[in-house]
Amino acid sequence: MENQDYNKAKNLVNDAKESLNSFTNDTQEKITQLANQAKNYIEEQKRNNQEPSKNGFFDQLKNSVANAWDDTKDFAEEAWQKTKHTSSELYDKASDKAEEIKDDINDKLDSQKEN
């Protein structure tokens, strides 16, 4: 493989790393949001002189988790597609380069046999 191929592969790995870091940060933010929603639910129930209930909290949590899961799934789908495309592309380039090297070696061996 040529240096530019290695550099492209290195850049793709760095991009994947950044995507995973972004995913981690997004997930952490979602968890914080869910905790705040639970706190807000409890405070709202108390302001309304109602007893906060586990079922009420779970209903609110269920709605929040469904939304968070959809966001996470969309992000994971995007990451999957990029990684799949990138690995296929890198495999094809490496395979092509290996074939070129093999052909070059065979050509050199053939020319040595002729001499």
PDB file of N, CA and C in Angstrom:
ATOM      1  N   MET A   1       0.852  -1.180   0.000  1.00  0.00           N
ATOM      2  CA  MET A   1       0.000   0.000   0.000  1.00  0.00           C
ATOM      3  C   MET A   1       0.894   1.239   0.000  1.00  0.00           C
ATOM      4  N   GLU A   2       0.433   2.257  -0.641  1.00  0.00           N
ATOM      5  CA  GLU A   2       1.179   3.500  -0.690  1.00  0.00           C
ATOM      6  C   GLU A   2       0.889   4.333   0.550  1.00  0.00           C
ATOM      7  N   ASN A   3       1.763   5.324   0.777  1.00  0.00           N
ATOM      8  CA  ASN A   3       1.591   6.199   1.939  1.00  0.00           C
ATOM      9  C   ASN A   3       0.218   6.861   1.951  1.00  0.00           C
ATOM     10  N   GLN A   4      -0.253   7.272   0.792  1.00  0.00           N
ATOM     11  CA  GLN A   4      -1.554   7.952   0.761  1.00  0.00           C
ATOM     12  C   GLN A   4      -2.664   6.999   1.186  1.00  0.00           C
ATOM     13  N   ASP A   5      -2.528   5.715   0.854  1.00  0.00           N
ATOM     14  CA  ASP A   5      -3.522   4.738   1.294  1.00  0.00           C
ATOM     15  C   ASP A   5      -3.481   4.572   2.806  1.00  0.00           C
ATOM     16  N   TYR A   6      -2.266   4.533   3.362  1.00  0.00           N
ATOM     17  CA  TYR A   6      -2.133   4.447   4.811  1.00  0.00           C
ATOM     18  C   TYR A   6      -2.716   5.685   5.483  1.00  0.00           C
ATOM     19  N   ASN A   7      -2.440   6.846   4.895  1.00  0.00           N
ATOM     20  CA  ASN A   7      -2.968   8.090   5.461  1.00  0.00           C
ATOM     21  C   ASN A   7      -4.492   8.111   5.418  1.00  0.00           C
ATOM     22  N   LYS A   8      -5.062   7.630   4.322  1.00  0.00           N
ATOM     23  CA  LYS A   8      -6.521   7.564   4.222  1.00  0.00           C
ATOM     24  C   LYS A   8      -7.079   6.622   5.281  1.00  0.00           C
ATOM     25  N   ALA A   9      -6.432   5.485   5.447  1.00  0.00           N
ATOM     26  CA  ALA A   9      -6.883   4.523   6.465  1.00  0.00           C
ATOM     27  C   ALA A   9      -6.776   5.133   7.856  1.00  0.00           C
ATOM     28  N   LYS A  10      -5.676   5.827   8.108  1.00  0.00           N
ATOM     29  CA  LYS A  10      -5.484   6.476   9.411  1.00  0.00           C
ATOM     30  C   LYS A  10      -6.565   7.525   9.639  1.00  0.00           C
ATOM     31  N   ASN A  11      -6.864   8.312   8.626  1.00  0.00           N
ATOM     32  CA  ASN A  11      -7.914   9.321   8.745  1.00  0.00           C
ATOM     33  C   ASN A  11      -9.280   8.687   9.001  1.00  0.00           C
ATOM     34  N   LEU A  12      -9.533   7.572   8.336  1.00  0.00           N
ATOM     35  CA  LEU A  12     -10.816   6.885   8.539  1.00  0.00           C
ATOM     36  C   LEU A  12     -10.932   6.356   9.963  1.00  0.00           C
ATOM     37  N   VAL A  13      -9.833   5.833  10.499  1.00  0.00           N
ATOM     38  CA  VAL A  13      -9.832   5.356  11.888  1.00  0.00           C
ATOM     39  C   VAL A  13     -10.063   6.527  12.840  1.00  0.00           C
ATOM     40  N   ASN A  14      -9.407   7.648  12.577  1.00  0.00           N
ATOM     41  CA  ASN A  14      -9.613   8.831  13.421  1.00  0.00           C
ATOM     42  C   ASN A  14     -11.055   9.321  13.349  1.00  0.00           C
ATOM     43  N   ASP A  15     -11.635   9.290  12.152  1.00  0.00           N
ATOM     44  CA  ASP A  15     -13.035   9.695  12.008  1.00  0.00           C
ATOM     45  C   ASP A  15     -13.952   8.770  12.797  1.00  0.00           C
ATOM     46  N   ALA A  16     -13.672   7.469  12.738  1.00  0.00           N
ATOM     47  CA  ALA A  16     -14.480   6.509  13.502  1.00  0.00           C
ATOM     48  C   ALA A  16     -14.346   6.764  14.993  1.00  0.00           C
ATOM     49  N   LYS A  17     -13.117   7.069  15.437  1.00  0.00           N
ATOM     50  CA  LYS A  17     -12.876   7.366  16.845  1.00  0.00           C
ATOM     51  C   LYS A  17     -13.665   8.605  17.263  1.00  0.00           C
ATOM     52  N   GLU A  18     -13.637   9.639  16.445  1.00  0.00           N
ATOM     53  CA  GLU A  18     -14.388  10.855  16.747  1.00  0.00           C
ATOM     54  C   GLU A  18     -15.891  10.575  16.790  1.00  0.00           C
ATOM     55  N   SER A  19     -16.366   9.733  15.889  1.00  0.00           N
ATOM     56  CA  SER A  19     -17.783   9.371  15.881  1.00  0.00           C
ATOM     57  C   SER A  19     -18.171   8.653  17.167  1.00  0.00           C
ATOM     58  N   LEU A  20     -17.313   7.741  17.614  1.00  0.00           N
ATOM     59  CA  LEU A  20     -17.598   7.024  18.855  1.00  0.00           C
ATOM     60  C   LEU A  20     -17.570   7.954  20.058  1.00  0.00           C
ATOM     61  N   ASN A  21     -16.613   8.888  20.073  1.00  0.00           N
ATOM     62  CA  ASN A  21     -16.569   9.870  21.158  1.00  0.00           C
ATOM     63  C   ASN A  21     -17.826  10.726  21.158  1.00  0.00           C
ATOM     64  N   SER A  22     -18.252  11.123  19.996  1.00  0.00           N
ATOM     65  CA  SER A  22     -19.466  11.926  19.870  1.00  0.00           C
ATOM     66  C   SER A  22     -20.674  11.126  20.354  1.00  0.00           C
ATOM     67  N   PHE A  23     -20.717   9.846  19.982  1.00  0.00           N
ATOM     68  CA  PHE A  23     -21.807   8.965  20.417  1.00  0.00           C
ATOM     69  C   PHE A  23     -21.831   8.861  21.941  1.00  0.00           C
ATOM     70  N   THR A  24     -20.644   8.708  22.546  1.00  0.00           N
ATOM     71  CA  THR A  24     -20.549   8.614  24.003  1.00  0.00           C
ATOM     72  C   THR A  24     -21.051   9.891  24.663  1.00  0.00           C
ATOM     73  N   ASN A  25     -20.624  11.031  24.148  1.00  0.00           N
ATOM     74  CA  ASN A  25     -21.071  12.302  24.706  1.00  0.00           C
ATOM     75  C   ASN A  25     -22.575  12.486  24.550  1.00  0.00           C
ATOM     76  N   ASP A  26     -23.096  12.124  23.377  1.00  0.00           N
ATOM     77  CA  ASP A  26     -24.544  12.236  23.149  1.00  0.00           C
ATOM     78  C   ASP A  26     -25.319  11.346  24.112  1.00  0.00           C
ATOM     79  N   THR A  27     -24.807  10.132  24.334  1.00  0.00           N
ATOM     80  CA  THR A  27     -25.471   9.197  25.240  1.00  0.00           C
ATOM     81  C   THR A  27     -25.460   9.733  26.665  1.00  0.00           C
ATOM     82  N   GLN A  28     -24.325  10.270  27.082  1.00  0.00           N
ATOM     83  CA  GLN A  28     -24.220  10.837  28.426  1.00  0.00           C
ATOM     84  C   GLN A  28     -25.204  12.000  28.591  1.00  0.00           C
ATOM     85  N   GLU A  29     -25.323  12.823  27.566  1.00  0.00           N
ATOM     86  CA  GLU A  29     -26.281  13.927  27.620  1.00  0.00           C
ATOM     87  C   GLU A  29     -27.714  13.411  27.732  1.00  0.00           C
ATOM     88  N   LYS A  30     -28.018  12.346  27.012  1.00  0.00           N
ATOM     89  CA  LYS A  30     -29.372  11.766  27.056  1.00  0.00           C
ATOM     90  C   LYS A  30     -29.686  11.252  28.464  1.00  0.00           C
ATOM     91  N   ILE A  31     -28.723  10.603  29.087  1.00  0.00           N
ATOM     92  CA  ILE A  31     -28.933  10.076  30.441  1.00  0.00           C
ATOM     93  C   ILE A  31     -29.173  11.219  31.422  1.00  0.00           C
ATOM     94  N   THR A  32     -28.402  12.270  31.281  1.00  0.00           N
ATOM     95  CA  THR A  32     -28.592  13.439  32.146  1.00  0.00           C
ATOM     96  C   THR A  32     -29.973  14.043  31.929  1.00  0.00           C
ATOM     97  N   GLN A  33     -30.394  14.111  30.685  1.00  0.00           N
ATOM     98  CA  GLN A  33     -31.722  14.638  30.377  1.00  0.00           C
ATOM     99  C   GLN A  33     -32.812  13.780  31.023  1.00  0.00           C
ATOM    100  N   LEU A  34     -32.647  12.466  30.966  1.00  0.00           N
ATOM    101  CA  LEU A  34     -33.641  11.570  31.562  1.00  0.00           C
ATOM    102  C   LEU A  34     -33.702  11.742  33.075  1.00  0.00           C
ATOM    103  N   ALA A  35     -32.559  11.882  33.698  1.00  0.00           N
ATOM    104  CA  ALA A  35     -32.528  12.093  35.148  1.00  0.00           C
ATOM    105  C   ALA A  35     -33.220  13.405  35.506  1.00  0.00           C
ATOM    106  N   ASN A  36     -32.975  14.428  34.722  1.00  0.00           N
ATOM    107  CA  ASN A  36     -33.639  15.714  34.961  1.00  0.00           C
ATOM    108  C   ASN A  36     -35.149  15.618  34.750  1.00  0.00           C
ATOM    109  N   GLN A  37     -35.566  14.848  33.785  1.00  0.00           N
ATOM    110  CA  GLN A  37     -37.004  14.661  33.552  1.00  0.00           C
ATOM    111  C   GLN A  37     -37.659  13.971  34.744  1.00  0.00           C
ATOM    112  N   ALA A  38     -36.985  12.982  35.302  1.00  0.00           N
ATOM    113  CA  ALA A  38     -37.524  12.298  36.476  1.00  0.00           C
ATOM    114  C   ALA A  38     -37.646  13.276  37.644  1.00  0.00           C
ATOM    115  N   LYS A  39     -36.626  14.070  37.842  1.00  0.00           N
ATOM    116  CA  LYS A  39     -36.636  15.069  38.908  1.00  0.00           C
ATOM    117  C   LYS A  39     -37.769  16.068  38.683  1.00  0.00           C
ATOM    118  N   ASN A  40     -37.916  16.531  37.449  1.00  0.00           N
ATOM    119  CA  ASN A  40     -38.985  17.481  37.125  1.00  0.00           C
ATOM    120  C   ASN A  40     -40.368  16.865  37.330  1.00  0.00           C
ATOM    121  N   TYR A  41     -40.509  15.590  36.992  1.00  0.00           N
ATOM    122  CA  TYR A  41     -41.786  14.903  37.195  1.00  0.00           C
ATOM    123  C   TYR A  41     -42.154  14.890  38.680  1.00  0.00           C
ATOM    124  N   ILE A  42     -41.194  14.527  39.499  1.00  0.00           N
ATOM    125  CA  ILE A  42     -41.440  14.455  40.948  1.00  0.00           C
ATOM    126  C   ILE A  42     -41.795  15.833  41.497  1.00  0.00           C
ATOM    127  N   GLU A  43     -41.032  16.834  41.086  1.00  0.00           N
ATOM    128  CA  GLU A  43     -41.311  18.196  41.563  1.00  0.00           C
ATOM    129  C   GLU A  43     -42.686  18.683  41.090  1.00  0.00           C
ATOM    130  N   GLU A  44     -43.023  18.368  39.852  1.00  0.00           N
ATOM    131  CA  GLU A  44     -44.331  18.787  39.313  1.00  0.00           C
ATOM    132  C   GLU A  44     -45.465  18.102  40.068  1.00  0.00           C
ATOM    133  N   GLN A  45     -45.324  16.847  40.348  1.00  0.00           N
ATOM    134  CA  GLN A  45     -46.355  16.121  41.090  1.00  0.00           C
ATOM    135  C   GLN A  45     -46.527  16.730  42.487  1.00  0.00           C
ATOM    136  N   LYS A  46     -45.437  17.071  43.134  1.00  0.00           N
ATOM    137  CA  LYS A  46     -45.511  17.676  44.469  1.00  0.00           C
ATOM    138  C   LYS A  46     -46.167  19.051  44.409  1.00  0.00           C
ATOM    139  N   ARG A  47     -45.844  19.849  43.390  1.00  0.00           N
ATOM    140  CA  ARG A  47     -46.467  21.174  43.239  1.00  0.00           C
ATOM    141  C   ARG A  47     -47.973  21.060  43.050  1.00  0.00           C
ATOM    142  N   ASN A  48     -48.382  19.994  42.399  1.00  0.00           N
ATOM    143  CA  ASN A  48     -49.814  19.763  42.149  1.00  0.00           C
ATOM    144  C   ASN A  48     -50.481  18.988  43.291  1.00  0.00           C
ATOM    145  N   ASN A  49     -49.754  18.871  44.399  1.00  0.00           N
ATOM    146  CA  ASN A  49     -50.254  18.129  45.567  1.00  0.00           C
ATOM    147  C   ASN A  49     -50.672  16.704  45.200  1.00  0.00           C
ATOM    148  N   GLN A  50     -49.889  16.113  44.335  1.00  0.00           N
ATOM    149  CA  GLN A  50     -50.131  14.723  43.949  1.00  0.00           C
ATOM    150  C   GLN A  50     -48.908  13.904  44.330  1.00  0.00           C
ATOM    151  N   GLU A  51     -49.185  12.678  44.608  1.00  0.00           N
ATOM    152  CA  GLU A  51     -48.095  11.772  44.980  1.00  0.00           C
ATOM    153  C   GLU A  51     -47.417  11.268  43.694  1.00  0.00           C
ATOM    154  N   PRO A  52     -46.121  11.501  43.556  1.00  0.00           N
ATOM    155  CA  PRO A  52     -45.440  10.939  42.387  1.00  0.00           C
ATOM    156  C   PRO A  52     -45.514   9.410  42.455  1.00  0.00           C
ATOM    157  N   SER A  53     -45.795   8.818  41.343  1.00  0.00           N
ATOM    158  CA  SER A  53     -45.896   7.354  41.327  1.00  0.00           C
ATOM    159  C   SER A  53     -44.847   6.763  40.392  1.00  0.00           C
ATOM    160  N   LYS A  54     -44.510   5.555  40.715  1.00  0.00           N
ATOM    161  CA  LYS A  54     -43.553   4.844  39.878  1.00  0.00           C
ATOM    162  C   LYS A  54     -44.122   4.680  38.467  1.00  0.00           C
ATOM    163  N   ASN A  55     -45.415   4.350  38.382  1.00  0.00           N
ATOM    164  CA  ASN A  55     -46.019   4.164  37.057  1.00  0.00           C
ATOM    165  C   ASN A  55     -46.039   5.466  36.260  1.00  0.00           C
ATOM    166  N   GLY A  56     -46.344   6.566  36.931  1.00  0.00           N
ATOM    167  CA  GLY A  56     -46.327   7.859  36.254  1.00  0.00           C
ATOM    168  C   GLY A  56     -44.926   8.208  35.769  1.00  0.00           C
ATOM    169  N   PHE A  57     -43.965   7.960  36.638  1.00  0.00           N
ATOM    170  CA  PHE A  57     -42.573   8.204  36.272  1.00  0.00           C
ATOM    171  C   PHE A  57     -42.162   7.311  35.108  1.00  0.00           C
ATOM    172  N   PHE A  58     -42.534   6.020  35.186  1.00  0.00           N
ATOM    173  CA  PHE A  58     -42.177   5.094  34.110  1.00  0.00           C
ATOM    174  C   PHE A  58     -42.833   5.478  32.792  1.00  0.00           C
ATOM    175  N   ASP A  59     -44.074   5.966  32.852  1.00  0.00           N
ATOM    176  CA  ASP A  59     -44.724   6.409  31.616  1.00  0.00           C
ATOM    177  C   ASP A  59     -43.948   7.557  30.988  1.00  0.00           C
ATOM    178  N   GLN A  60     -43.553   8.509  31.832  1.00  0.00           N
ATOM    179  CA  GLN A  60     -42.768   9.628  31.320  1.00  0.00           C
ATOM    180  C   GLN A  60     -41.405   9.143  30.826  1.00  0.00           C
ATOM    181  N   LEU A  61     -40.807   8.264  31.592  1.00  0.00           N
ATOM    182  CA  LEU A  61     -39.507   7.712  31.218  1.00  0.00           C
ATOM    183  C   LEU A  61     -39.606   6.912  29.918  1.00  0.00           C
ATOM    184  N   LYS A  62     -40.681   6.144  29.799  1.00  0.00           N
ATOM    185  CA  LYS A  62     -40.889   5.329  28.599  1.00  0.00           C
ATOM    186  C   LYS A  62     -40.941   6.214  27.359  1.00  0.00           C
ATOM    187  N   ASN A  63     -41.654   7.317  27.456  1.00  0.00           N
ATOM    188  CA  ASN A  63     -41.722   8.235  26.317  1.00  0.00           C
ATOM    189  C   ASN A  63     -40.358   8.839  26.011  1.00  0.00           C
ATOM    190  N   SER A  64     -39.629   9.201  27.049  1.00  0.00           N
ATOM    191  CA  SER A  64     -38.299   9.795  26.861  1.00  0.00           C
ATOM    192  C   SER A  64     -37.319   8.777  26.279  1.00  0.00           C
ATOM    193  N   VAL A  65     -37.369   7.560  26.797  1.00  0.00           N
ATOM    194  CA  VAL A  65     -36.457   6.519  26.318  1.00  0.00           C
ATOM    195  C   VAL A  65     -36.757   6.175  24.865  1.00  0.00           C
ATOM    196  N   ALA A  66     -38.030   6.135  24.515  1.00  0.00           N
ATOM    197  CA  ALA A  66     -38.386   5.841  23.126  1.00  0.00           C
ATOM    198  C   ALA A  66     -37.776   6.876  22.191  1.00  0.00           C
ATOM    199  N   ASN A  67     -37.844   8.135  22.591  1.00  0.00           N
ATOM    200  CA  ASN A  67     -37.256   9.195  21.767  1.00  0.00           C
ATOM    201  C   ASN A  67     -35.738   9.079  21.735  1.00  0.00           C
ATOM    202  N   ALA A  68     -35.137   8.808  22.878  1.00  0.00           N
ATOM    203  CA  ALA A  68     -33.674   8.674  22.937  1.00  0.00           C
ATOM    204  C   ALA A  68     -33.215   7.470  22.118  1.00  0.00           C
ATOM    205  N   TRP A  69     -33.969   6.364  22.199  1.00  0.00           N
ATOM    206  CA  TRP A  69     -33.608   5.170  21.441  1.00  0.00           C
ATOM    207  C   TRP A  69     -33.657   5.449  19.944  1.00  0.00           C
ATOM    208  N   ASP A  70     -34.668   6.176  19.493  1.00  0.00           N
ATOM    209  CA  ASP A  70     -34.753   6.508  18.074  1.00  0.00           C
ATOM    210  C   ASP A  70     -33.544   7.326  17.633  1.00  0.00           C
ATOM    211  N   ASP A  71     -33.153   8.293  18.452  1.00  0.00           N
ATOM    212  CA  ASP A  71     -31.981   9.109  18.132  1.00  0.00           C
ATOM    213  C   ASP A  71     -30.717   8.253  18.106  1.00  0.00           C
ATOM    214  N   THR A  72     -30.569   7.389  19.105  1.00  0.00           N
ATOM    215  CA  THR A  72     -29.395   6.527  19.197  1.00  0.00           C
ATOM    216  C   THR A  72     -29.347   5.566  18.011  1.00  0.00           C
ATOM    217  N   LYS A  73     -30.488   5.006  17.680  1.00  0.00           N
ATOM    218  CA  LYS A  73     -30.565   4.065  16.557  1.00  0.00           C
ATOM    219  C   LYS A  73     -30.189   4.756  15.243  1.00  0.00           C
ATOM    220  N   ASP A  74     -30.665   5.982  15.052  1.00  0.00           N
ATOM    221  CA  ASP A  74     -30.319   6.728  13.841  1.00  0.00           C
ATOM    222  C   ASP A  74     -28.820   6.982  13.765  1.00  0.00           C
ATOM    223  N   PHE A  75     -28.235   7.377  14.893  1.00  0.00           N
ATOM    224  CA  PHE A  75     -26.800   7.639  14.933  1.00  0.00           C
ATOM    225  C   PHE A  75     -26.015   6.351  14.675  1.00  0.00           C
ATOM    226  N   ALA A  76     -26.440   5.264  15.300  1.00  0.00           N
ATOM    227  CA  ALA A  76     -25.756   3.977  15.118  1.00  0.00           C
ATOM    228  C   ALA A  76     -25.867   3.508  13.668  1.00  0.00           C
ATOM    229  N   GLU A  77     -27.011   3.731  13.052  1.00  0.00           N
ATOM    230  CA  GLU A  77     -27.205   3.354  11.645  1.00  0.00           C
ATOM    231  C   GLU A  77     -26.221   4.121  10.757  1.00  0.00           C
ATOM    232  N   GLU A  78     -26.080   5.410  11.013  1.00  0.00           N
ATOM    233  CA  GLU A  78     -25.153   6.231  10.238  1.00  0.00           C
ATOM    234  C   GLU A  78     -23.719   5.748  10.437  1.00  0.00           C
ATOM    235  N   ALA A  79     -23.341   5.480  11.685  1.00  0.00           N
ATOM    236  CA  ALA A  79     -21.991   4.995  11.981  1.00  0.00           C
ATOM    237  C   ALA A  79     -21.752   3.644  11.299  1.00  0.00           C
ATOM    238  N   TRP A  80     -22.741   2.771  11.335  1.00  0.00           N
ATOM    239  CA  TRP A  80     -22.631   1.449  10.707  1.00  0.00           C
ATOM    240  C   TRP A  80     -22.396   1.583   9.207  1.00  0.00           C
ATOM    241  N   GLN A  81     -23.192   2.408   8.561  1.00  0.00           N
ATOM    242  CA  GLN A  81     -23.067   2.562   7.116  1.00  0.00           C
ATOM    243  C   GLN A  81     -21.696   3.128   6.733  1.00  0.00           C
ATOM    244  N   LYS A  82     -21.227   4.134   7.476  1.00  0.00           N
ATOM    245  CA  LYS A  82     -19.920   4.720   7.174  1.00  0.00           C
ATOM    246  C   LYS A  82     -18.811   3.703   7.376  1.00  0.00           C
ATOM    247  N   THR A  83     -18.871   2.958   8.469  1.00  0.00           N
ATOM    248  CA  THR A  83     -17.835   1.966   8.764  1.00  0.00           C
ATOM    249  C   THR A  83     -17.857   0.846   7.733  1.00  0.00           C
ATOM    250  N   LYS A  84     -19.045   0.389   7.380  1.00  0.00           N
ATOM    251  CA  LYS A  84     -19.184  -0.691   6.400  1.00  0.00           C
ATOM    252  C   LYS A  84     -18.606  -0.255   5.052  1.00  0.00           C
ATOM    253  N   HIS A  85     -18.955   0.941   4.631  1.00  0.00           N
ATOM    254  CA  HIS A  85     -18.462   1.461   3.360  1.00  0.00           C
ATOM    255  C   HIS A  85     -16.940   1.611   3.391  1.00  0.00           C
ATOM    256  N   THR A  86     -16.444   2.158   4.485  1.00  0.00           N
ATOM    257  CA  THR A  86     -15.015   2.403   4.619  1.00  0.00           C
ATOM    258  C   THR A  86     -14.237   1.102   4.611  1.00  0.00           C
ATOM    259  N   SER A  87     -14.692   0.105   5.389  1.00  0.00           N
ATOM    260  CA  SER A  87     -13.946  -1.145   5.427  1.00  0.00           C
ATOM    261  C   SER A  87     -13.984  -1.860   4.089  1.00  0.00           C
ATOM    262  N   SER A  88     -15.113  -1.799   3.396  1.00  0.00           N
ATOM    263  CA  SER A  88     -15.186  -2.420   2.071  1.00  0.00           C
ATOM    264  C   SER A  88     -14.232  -1.734   1.111  1.00  0.00           C
ATOM    265  N   GLU A  89     -14.211  -0.421   1.184  1.00  0.00           N
ATOM    266  CA  GLU A  89     -13.337   0.358   0.308  1.00  0.00           C
ATOM    267  C   GLU A  89     -11.869   0.041   0.593  1.00  0.00           C
ATOM    268  N   LEU A  90     -11.504  -0.005   1.875  1.00  0.00           N
ATOM    269  CA  LEU A  90     -10.113  -0.306   2.233  1.00  0.00           C
ATOM    270  C   LEU A  90      -9.721  -1.722   1.818  1.00  0.00           C
ATOM    271  N   TYR A  91     -10.631  -2.671   2.009  1.00  0.00           N
ATOM    272  CA  TYR A  91     -10.349  -4.050   1.614  1.00  0.00           C
ATOM    273  C   TYR A  91     -10.110  -4.130   0.109  1.00  0.00           C
ATOM    274  N   ASP A  92     -10.978  -3.464  -0.649  1.00  0.00           N
ATOM    275  CA  ASP A  92     -10.832  -3.487  -2.106  1.00  0.00           C
ATOM    276  C   ASP A  92      -9.505  -2.872  -2.536  1.00  0.00           C
ATOM    277  N   LYS A  93      -9.133  -1.746  -1.913  1.00  0.00           N
ATOM    278  CA  LYS A  93      -7.869  -1.091  -2.273  1.00  0.00           C
ATOM    279  C   LYS A  93      -6.681  -1.977  -1.913  1.00  0.00           C
ATOM    280  N   ALA A  94      -6.729  -2.594  -0.741  1.00  0.00           N
ATOM    281  CA  ALA A  94      -5.629  -3.467  -0.321  1.00  0.00           C
ATOM    282  C   ALA A  94      -5.528  -4.679  -1.248  1.00  0.00           C
ATOM    283  N   SER A  95      -6.669  -5.226  -1.613  1.00  0.00           N
ATOM    284  CA  SER A  95      -6.686  -6.373  -2.508  1.00  0.00           C
ATOM    285  C   SER A  95      -6.125  -6.006  -3.882  1.00  0.00           C
ATOM    286  N   ASP A  96      -6.540  -4.847  -4.393  1.00  0.00           N
ATOM    287  CA  ASP A  96      -6.029  -4.385  -5.685  1.00  0.00           C
ATOM    288  C   ASP A  96      -4.522  -4.168  -5.628  1.00  0.00           C
ATOM    289  N   LYS A  97      -4.050  -3.562  -4.557  1.00  0.00           N
ATOM    290  CA  LYS A  97      -2.617  -3.290  -4.409  1.00  0.00           C
ATOM    291  C   LYS A  97      -1.847  -4.605  -4.322  1.00  0.00           C
ATOM    292  N   ALA A  98      -2.380  -5.582  -3.597  1.00  0.00           N
ATOM    293  CA  ALA A  98      -1.724  -6.883  -3.483  1.00  0.00           C
ATOM    294  C   ALA A  98      -1.618  -7.546  -4.862  1.00  0.00           C
ATOM    295  N   GLU A  99      -2.661  -7.417  -5.652  1.00  0.00           N
ATOM    296  CA  GLU A  99      -2.632  -7.968  -7.012  1.00  0.00           C
ATOM    297  C   GLU A  99      -1.573  -7.278  -7.862  1.00  0.00           C
ATOM    298  N   GLU A 100      -1.481  -5.957  -7.742  1.00  0.00           N
ATOM    299  CA  GLU A 100      -0.464  -5.204  -8.485  1.00  0.00           C
ATOM    300  C   GLU A 100       0.936  -5.672  -8.097  1.00  0.00           C
ATOM    301  N   ILE A 101       1.169  -5.823  -6.812  1.00  0.00           N
ATOM    302  CA  ILE A 101       2.489  -6.262  -6.325  1.00  0.00           C
ATOM    303  C   ILE A 101       2.782  -7.668  -6.837  1.00  0.00           C
ATOM    304  N   LYS A 102       1.801  -8.538  -6.772  1.00  0.00           N
ATOM    305  CA  LYS A 102       1.968  -9.914  -7.259  1.00  0.00           C
ATOM    306  C   LYS A 102       2.312  -9.910  -8.752  1.00  0.00           C
ATOM    307  N   ASP A 103       1.580  -9.089  -9.517  1.00  0.00           N
ATOM    308  CA  ASP A 103       1.851  -9.003 -10.959  1.00  0.00           C
ATOM    309  C   ASP A 103       3.247  -8.458 -11.226  1.00  0.00           C
ATOM    310  N   ASP A 104       3.657  -7.445 -10.452  1.00  0.00           N
ATOM    311  CA  ASP A 104       5.003  -6.884 -10.617  1.00  0.00           C
ATOM    312  C   ASP A 104       6.074  -7.942 -10.338  1.00  0.00           C
ATOM    313  N   ILE A 105       5.878  -8.708  -9.291  1.00  0.00           N
ATOM    314  CA  ILE A 105       6.843  -9.761  -8.941  1.00  0.00           C
ATOM    315  C   ILE A 105       6.903 -10.813 -10.037  1.00  0.00           C
ATOM    316  N   ASN A 106       5.729 -11.218 -10.523  1.00  0.00           N
ATOM    317  CA  ASN A 106       5.696 -12.220 -11.595  1.00  0.00           C
ATOM    318  C   ASN A 106       6.368 -11.691 -12.865  1.00  0.00           C
ATOM    319  N   ASP A 107       6.132 -10.414 -13.180  1.00  0.00           N
ATOM    320  CA  ASP A 107       6.780  -9.825 -14.356  1.00  0.00           C
ATOM    321  C   ASP A 107       8.299  -9.827 -14.200  1.00  0.00           C
ATOM    322  N   LYS A 108       8.776  -9.474 -13.020  1.00  0.00           N
ATOM    323  CA  LYS A 108      10.219  -9.441 -12.783  1.00  0.00           C
ATOM    324  C   LYS A 108      10.814 -10.847 -12.835  1.00  0.00           C
ATOM    325  N   LEU A 109      10.088 -11.823 -12.287  1.00  0.00           N
ATOM    326  CA  LEU A 109      10.572 -13.205 -12.350  1.00  0.00           C
ATOM    327  C   LEU A 109      10.613 -13.687 -13.789  1.00  0.00           C
ATOM    328  N   ASP A 110       9.585 -13.349 -14.573  1.00  0.00           N
ATOM    329  CA  ASP A 110       9.551 -13.752 -15.983  1.00  0.00           C
ATOM    330  C   ASP A 110      10.692 -13.122 -16.756  1.00  0.00           C
ATOM    331  N   SER A 111      10.980 -11.848 -16.478  1.00  0.00           N
ATOM    332  CA  SER A 111      12.062 -11.168 -17.207  1.00  0.00           C
ATOM    333  C   SER A 111      13.423 -11.748 -16.817  1.00  0.00           C
ATOM    334  N   GLN A 112      13.568 -12.192 -15.564  1.00  0.00           N
ATOM    335  CA  GLN A 112      14.829 -12.807 -15.142  1.00  0.00           C
ATOM    336  C   GLN A 112      15.008 -14.170 -15.798  1.00  0.00           C
ATOM    337  N   LYS A 113      13.910 -14.888 -15.957  1.00  0.00           N
ATOM    338  CA  LYS A 113      13.982 -16.200 -16.615  1.00  0.00           C
ATOM    339  C   LYS A 113      14.401 -16.060 -18.081  1.00  0.00           C
ATOM    340  N   GLU A 114      13.929 -14.955 -18.713  1.00  0.00           N
ATOM    341  CA  GLU A 114      14.257 -14.737 -20.116  1.00  0.00           C
ATOM    342  C   GLU A 114      15.723 -14.386 -20.280  1.00  0.00           C
ATOM    343  N   ASN A 115      16.310 -13.766 -19.253  1.00  0.00           N
ATOM    344  CA  ASN A 115      17.726 -13.367 -19.344  1.00  0.00           C
ATOM    345  C   ASN A 115      18.565 -14.550 -19.032  1.00  0.00           C
TER     346      ASN A 115
END
